[in-house]
Amino acid sequence: MSTADAPETEAPKIEGPPPHLLVVRAPYYREIVDALAAGAERVLRAAGASFENLDVAGAFELAQAIRLALRGTTHHDGFVALGCVVRGETDHYEHICREAMAGLMHVALQFGLALGTGLLTVDRLDQARARARPEGPNKGAEAARAALLQIAAARRFAAARAGG
């Protein structure tokens, strides 16, 4: 499905207590990441979730920040990673995109995390703007919905394991 055809992202219903999430933002392109965060926050609020925001230096640090959060004392039911990487003149873009996404997947799988990823990897800023609209398609909103659905799945499997 293309971004232009994407329906408005709706919040899923989550059984049990309201979830608490950490939204980790890499605001190198602040305009874009603020718009992604606004979309994520809209979905999280609609789901009745609480959340905290944490800004990091760049996309490469998203997974590292999530791992650091796991060492802390605050429990997060899930995480949303938001950022934007725009292709430049060197191969730095390929390395950052590959390693940032691999890092996020690694931390999610290693620790069994509910993670929604809204890391845009684009050739031009206009492509990012098209994916971070205040109304309509917004990859931040989609990432929040993905995290909420993962939280719902984790709760379902935990209840099944507990015999409930």
C-alpha atoms as a PDB file:
ATOM      1  CA  MET A   1       0.000   0.000   0.000  1.00  0.00           C
ATOM      2  CA  SER A   2       1.357   3.416  -0.866  1.00  0.00           C
ATOM      3  CA  THR A   3       1.488   6.230   1.636  1.00  0.00           C
ATOM      4  CA  ALA A   4      -0.898   8.296  -0.470  1.00  0.00           C
ATOM      5  CA  ASP A   5      -3.548   5.556  -0.301  1.00  0.00           C
ATOM      6  CA  ALA A   6      -3.163   4.814   3.401  1.00  0.00           C
ATOM      7  CA  PRO A   7      -6.298   5.235   5.516  1.00  0.00           C
ATOM      8  CA  GLU A   8      -6.293   7.313   8.690  1.00  0.00           C
ATOM      9  CA  THR A   9      -4.632   5.294  11.431  1.00  0.00           C
ATOM     10  CA  GLU A  10      -7.005   4.363  14.248  1.00  0.00           C
ATOM     11  CA  ALA A  11      -6.108   3.309  17.750  1.00  0.00           C
ATOM     12  CA  PRO A  12      -6.729  -0.339  18.606  1.00  0.00           C
ATOM     13  CA  LYS A  13      -8.586  -1.326  21.774  1.00  0.00           C
ATOM     14  CA  ILE A  14      -6.204  -2.679  24.393  1.00  0.00           C
ATOM     15  CA  GLU A  15      -7.552  -5.008  27.084  1.00  0.00           C
ATOM     16  CA  GLY A  16      -6.396  -4.525  30.637  1.00  0.00           C
ATOM     17  CA  PRO A  17      -4.808  -1.519  32.277  1.00  0.00           C
ATOM     18  CA  PRO A  18      -3.836   1.432  30.089  1.00  0.00           C
ATOM     19  CA  PRO A  19      -0.424   0.762  28.563  1.00  0.00           C
ATOM     20  CA  HIS A  20       2.589   2.996  29.212  1.00  0.00           C
ATOM     21  CA  LEU A  21       5.011   3.563  26.350  1.00  0.00           C
ATOM     22  CA  LEU A  22       8.300   5.304  25.706  1.00  0.00           C
ATOM     23  CA  VAL A  23       8.446   7.304  22.480  1.00  0.00           C
ATOM     24  CA  VAL A  24      12.095   7.657  21.448  1.00  0.00           C
ATOM     25  CA  ARG A  25      12.669  10.445  18.938  1.00  0.00           C
ATOM     26  CA  ALA A  26      15.693  11.257  16.792  1.00  0.00           C
ATOM     27  CA  PRO A  27      14.833  14.867  15.886  1.00  0.00           C
ATOM     28  CA  TYR A  28      17.659  15.587  13.443  1.00  0.00           C
ATOM     29  CA  TYR A  29      14.939  16.702  11.023  1.00  0.00           C
ATOM     30  CA  ARG A  30      12.806  18.328  13.726  1.00  0.00           C
ATOM     31  CA  GLU A  31       9.890  19.335  11.462  1.00  0.00           C
ATOM     32  CA  ILE A  32       9.470  15.750  10.285  1.00  0.00           C
ATOM     33  CA  VAL A  33       9.972  14.065  13.650  1.00  0.00           C
ATOM     34  CA  ASP A  34       7.639  16.506  15.406  1.00  0.00           C
ATOM     35  CA  ALA A  35       4.949  15.607  12.850  1.00  0.00           C
ATOM     36  CA  LEU A  36       5.618  11.875  13.322  1.00  0.00           C
ATOM     37  CA  ALA A  37       5.424  12.338  17.093  1.00  0.00           C
ATOM     38  CA  ALA A  38       2.135  14.231  16.809  1.00  0.00           C
ATOM     39  CA  GLY A  39       0.669  11.320  14.846  1.00  0.00           C
ATOM     40  CA  ALA A  40       1.957   8.798  17.384  1.00  0.00           C
ATOM     41  CA  GLU A  41       0.642  10.828  20.310  1.00  0.00           C
ATOM     42  CA  ARG A  42      -2.805  11.118  18.680  1.00  0.00           C
ATOM     43  CA  VAL A  43      -3.076   7.323  18.421  1.00  0.00           C
ATOM     44  CA  LEU A  44      -1.668   6.691  21.897  1.00  0.00           C
ATOM     45  CA  ARG A  45      -4.082   9.150  23.508  1.00  0.00           C
ATOM     46  CA  ALA A  46      -7.014   7.672  21.589  1.00  0.00           C
ATOM     47  CA  ALA A  47      -6.050   4.248  22.959  1.00  0.00           C
ATOM     48  CA  GLY A  48      -5.937   5.596  26.506  1.00  0.00           C
ATOM     49  CA  ALA A  49      -2.201   4.982  26.762  1.00  0.00           C
ATOM     50  CA  SER A  50       0.237   7.088  28.731  1.00  0.00           C
ATOM     51  CA  PHE A  51       3.654   7.839  27.321  1.00  0.00           C
ATOM     52  CA  GLU A  52       6.955   9.586  27.850  1.00  0.00           C
ATOM     53  CA  ASN A  53       9.141  11.203  25.194  1.00  0.00           C
ATOM     54  CA  LEU A  54      12.908  10.868  24.969  1.00  0.00           C
ATOM     55  CA  ASP A  55      15.021  12.646  22.366  1.00  0.00           C
ATOM     56  CA  VAL A  56      18.313  11.158  21.185  1.00  0.00           C
ATOM     57  CA  ALA A  57      21.048  12.498  18.915  1.00  0.00           C
ATOM     58  CA  GLY A  58      20.133  10.566  15.778  1.00  0.00           C
ATOM     59  CA  ALA A  59      18.662   7.428  14.246  1.00  0.00           C
ATOM     60  CA  PHE A  60      21.694   5.367  15.188  1.00  0.00           C
ATOM     61  CA  GLU A  61      20.957   5.992  18.883  1.00  0.00           C
ATOM     62  CA  LEU A  62      17.293   4.894  18.851  1.00  0.00           C
ATOM     63  CA  ALA A  63      17.951   1.240  19.719  1.00  0.00           C
ATOM     64  CA  GLN A  64      20.637   2.179  22.225  1.00  0.00           C
ATOM     65  CA  ALA A  65      18.205   4.454  24.081  1.00  0.00           C
ATOM     66  CA  ILE A  66      15.577   1.714  24.223  1.00  0.00           C
ATOM     67  CA  ARG A  67      18.156  -0.673  25.659  1.00  0.00           C
ATOM     68  CA  LEU A  68      19.157   1.935  28.252  1.00  0.00           C
ATOM     69  CA  ALA A  69      15.495   2.413  29.194  1.00  0.00           C
ATOM     70  CA  LEU A  70      15.269  -1.309  29.941  1.00  0.00           C
ATOM     71  CA  ARG A  71      17.977  -0.825  32.564  1.00  0.00           C
ATOM     72  CA  GLY A  72      15.907   1.832  34.341  1.00  0.00           C
ATOM     73  CA  THR A  73      13.217   1.475  36.980  1.00  0.00           C
ATOM     74  CA  THR A  74      10.237   2.667  34.930  1.00  0.00           C
ATOM     75  CA  HIS A  75       8.207  -0.101  33.313  1.00  0.00           C
ATOM     76  CA  HIS A  76       7.248   0.495  29.686  1.00  0.00           C
ATOM     77  CA  ASP A  77       4.728  -1.818  28.060  1.00  0.00           C
ATOM     78  CA  GLY A  78       6.034  -0.800  24.656  1.00  0.00           C
ATOM     79  CA  PHE A  79       8.201   1.527  22.649  1.00  0.00           C
ATOM     80  CA  VAL A  80       7.840   3.727  19.591  1.00  0.00           C
ATOM     81  CA  ALA A  81      10.976   4.719  17.655  1.00  0.00           C
ATOM     82  CA  LEU A  82      10.712   7.803  15.430  1.00  0.00           C
ATOM     83  CA  GLY A  83      13.230   9.418  13.139  1.00  0.00           C
ATOM     84  CA  CYS A  84      14.159  10.357   9.611  1.00  0.00           C
ATOM     85  CA  VAL A  85      17.253   9.663   7.533  1.00  0.00           C
ATOM     86  CA  VAL A  86      17.616  11.497   4.222  1.00  0.00           C
ATOM     87  CA  ARG A  87      20.006  10.248   1.555  1.00  0.00           C
ATOM     88  CA  GLY A  88      23.095  12.406   1.119  1.00  0.00           C
ATOM     89  CA  GLU A  89      26.075  12.338  -1.201  1.00  0.00           C
ATOM     90  CA  THR A  90      27.921   9.455   0.468  1.00  0.00           C
ATOM     91  CA  ASP A  91      27.167   5.876   1.473  1.00  0.00           C
ATOM     92  CA  HIS A  92      26.698   7.007   5.108  1.00  0.00           C
ATOM     93  CA  TYR A  93      22.923   6.825   4.470  1.00  0.00           C
ATOM     94  CA  GLU A  94      23.025   3.085   3.720  1.00  0.00           C
ATOM     95  CA  HIS A  95      25.073   2.327   6.831  1.00  0.00           C
ATOM     96  CA  ILE A  96      22.886   4.366   9.192  1.00  0.00           C
ATOM     97  CA  CYS A  97      19.617   3.024   7.770  1.00  0.00           C
ATOM     98  CA  ARG A  98      20.766  -0.588   7.844  1.00  0.00           C
ATOM     99  CA  GLU A  99      22.279  -0.471  11.314  1.00  0.00           C
ATOM    100  CA  ALA A 100      19.513   1.626  12.883  1.00  0.00           C
ATOM    101  CA  MET A 101      16.832  -0.774  11.651  1.00  0.00           C
ATOM    102  CA  ALA A 102      18.906  -3.838  12.559  1.00  0.00           C
ATOM    103  CA  GLY A 103      19.521  -2.408  16.035  1.00  0.00           C
ATOM    104  CA  LEU A 104      15.820  -1.825  16.600  1.00  0.00           C
ATOM    105  CA  MET A 105      14.930  -5.329  15.464  1.00  0.00           C
ATOM    106  CA  HIS A 106      17.732  -6.814  17.553  1.00  0.00           C
ATOM    107  CA  VAL A 107      16.673  -5.117  20.793  1.00  0.00           C
ATOM    108  CA  ALA A 108      12.999  -5.973  20.137  1.00  0.00           C
ATOM    109  CA  LEU A 109      13.742  -9.646  19.532  1.00  0.00           C
ATOM    110  CA  GLN A 110      16.373 -10.045  22.242  1.00  0.00           C
ATOM    111  CA  PHE A 111      14.146  -8.582  24.942  1.00  0.00           C
ATOM    112  CA  GLY A 112      10.699  -9.498  23.569  1.00  0.00           C
ATOM    113  CA  LEU A 113       9.621  -5.867  23.236  1.00  0.00           C
ATOM    114  CA  ALA A 114       6.472  -4.387  21.781  1.00  0.00           C
ATOM    115  CA  LEU A 115       8.043  -1.932  19.344  1.00  0.00           C
ATOM    116  CA  GLY A 116       6.573   0.237  16.644  1.00  0.00           C
ATOM    117  CA  THR A 117       9.087   1.675  14.221  1.00  0.00           C
ATOM    118  CA  GLY A 118       8.551   4.985  12.467  1.00  0.00           C
ATOM    119  CA  LEU A 119      12.037   5.539  11.072  1.00  0.00           C
ATOM    120  CA  LEU A 120      11.689   7.135   7.650  1.00  0.00           C
ATOM    121  CA  THR A 121      14.449   6.375   5.155  1.00  0.00           C
ATOM    122  CA  VAL A 122      13.965   8.678   2.192  1.00  0.00           C
ATOM    123  CA  ASP A 123      15.785  10.243  -0.732  1.00  0.00           C
ATOM    124  CA  ARG A 124      14.300  13.729  -0.255  1.00  0.00           C
ATOM    125  CA  LEU A 125      12.578  15.728   2.471  1.00  0.00           C
ATOM    126  CA  ASP A 126       9.378  16.043   0.428  1.00  0.00           C
ATOM    127  CA  GLN A 127       9.061  12.243   0.645  1.00  0.00           C
ATOM    128  CA  ALA A 128       9.340  12.475   4.430  1.00  0.00           C
ATOM    129  CA  ARG A 129       6.735  15.238   4.592  1.00  0.00           C
ATOM    130  CA  ALA A 130       4.327  13.057   2.602  1.00  0.00           C
ATOM    131  CA  ARG A 131       4.711  10.358   5.267  1.00  0.00           C
ATOM    132  CA  ALA A 132       4.377  12.689   8.255  1.00  0.00           C
ATOM    133  CA  ARG A 133       1.202  14.614   7.498  1.00  0.00           C
ATOM    134  CA  PRO A 134      -0.780  16.182  10.340  1.00  0.00           C
ATOM    135  CA  GLU A 135      -3.973  14.820   8.736  1.00  0.00           C
ATOM    136  CA  GLY A 136      -3.953  11.628   6.697  1.00  0.00           C
ATOM    137  CA  PRO A 137      -0.943   9.349   6.238  1.00  0.00           C
ATOM    138  CA  ASN A 138       1.462   9.490   9.150  1.00  0.00           C
ATOM    139  CA  LYS A 139       4.074   6.825   9.800  1.00  0.00           C
ATOM    140  CA  GLY A 140       4.363   7.933  13.432  1.00  0.00           C
ATOM    141  CA  ALA A 141       0.690   7.105  13.935  1.00  0.00           C
ATOM    142  CA  GLU A 142       1.240   3.752  12.217  1.00  0.00           C
ATOM    143  CA  ALA A 143       4.228   3.022  14.471  1.00  0.00           C
ATOM    144  CA  ALA A 144       2.180   3.793  17.588  1.00  0.00           C
ATOM    145  CA  ARG A 145      -0.616   1.522  16.371  1.00  0.00           C
ATOM    146  CA  ALA A 146       1.916  -1.245  15.694  1.00  0.00           C
ATOM    147  CA  ALA A 147       3.327  -0.930  19.216  1.00  0.00           C
ATOM    148  CA  LEU A 148      -0.170  -1.042  20.720  1.00  0.00           C
ATOM    149  CA  LEU A 149      -1.052  -4.142  18.705  1.00  0.00           C
ATOM    150  CA  GLN A 150       2.165  -5.798  19.907  1.00  0.00           C
ATOM    151  CA  ILE A 151       1.242  -4.921  23.502  1.00  0.00           C
ATOM    152  CA  ALA A 152      -2.179  -6.506  22.956  1.00  0.00           C
ATOM    153  CA  ALA A 153      -0.527  -9.642  21.562  1.00  0.00           C
ATOM    154  CA  ALA A 154       1.912  -9.832  24.485  1.00  0.00           C
ATOM    155  CA  ARG A 155      -0.952  -9.525  26.960  1.00  0.00           C
ATOM    156  CA  ARG A 156      -2.963 -12.170  25.139  1.00  0.00           C
ATOM    157  CA  PHE A 157      -0.097 -14.673  25.206  1.00  0.00           C
ATOM    158  CA  ALA A 158       0.708 -13.870  28.834  1.00  0.00           C
ATOM    159  CA  ALA A 159      -2.932 -14.506  29.813  1.00  0.00           C
ATOM    160  CA  ALA A 160      -2.940 -17.777  27.873  1.00  0.00           C
ATOM    161  CA  ARG A 161       0.279 -18.876  29.581  1.00  0.00           C
ATOM    162  CA  ALA A 162      -1.234 -18.028  32.976  1.00  0.00           C
ATOM    163  CA  GLY A 163      -4.315 -20.076  32.142  1.00  0.00           C
ATOM    164  CA  GLY A 164      -6.624 -17.063  31.869  1.00  0.00           C
END
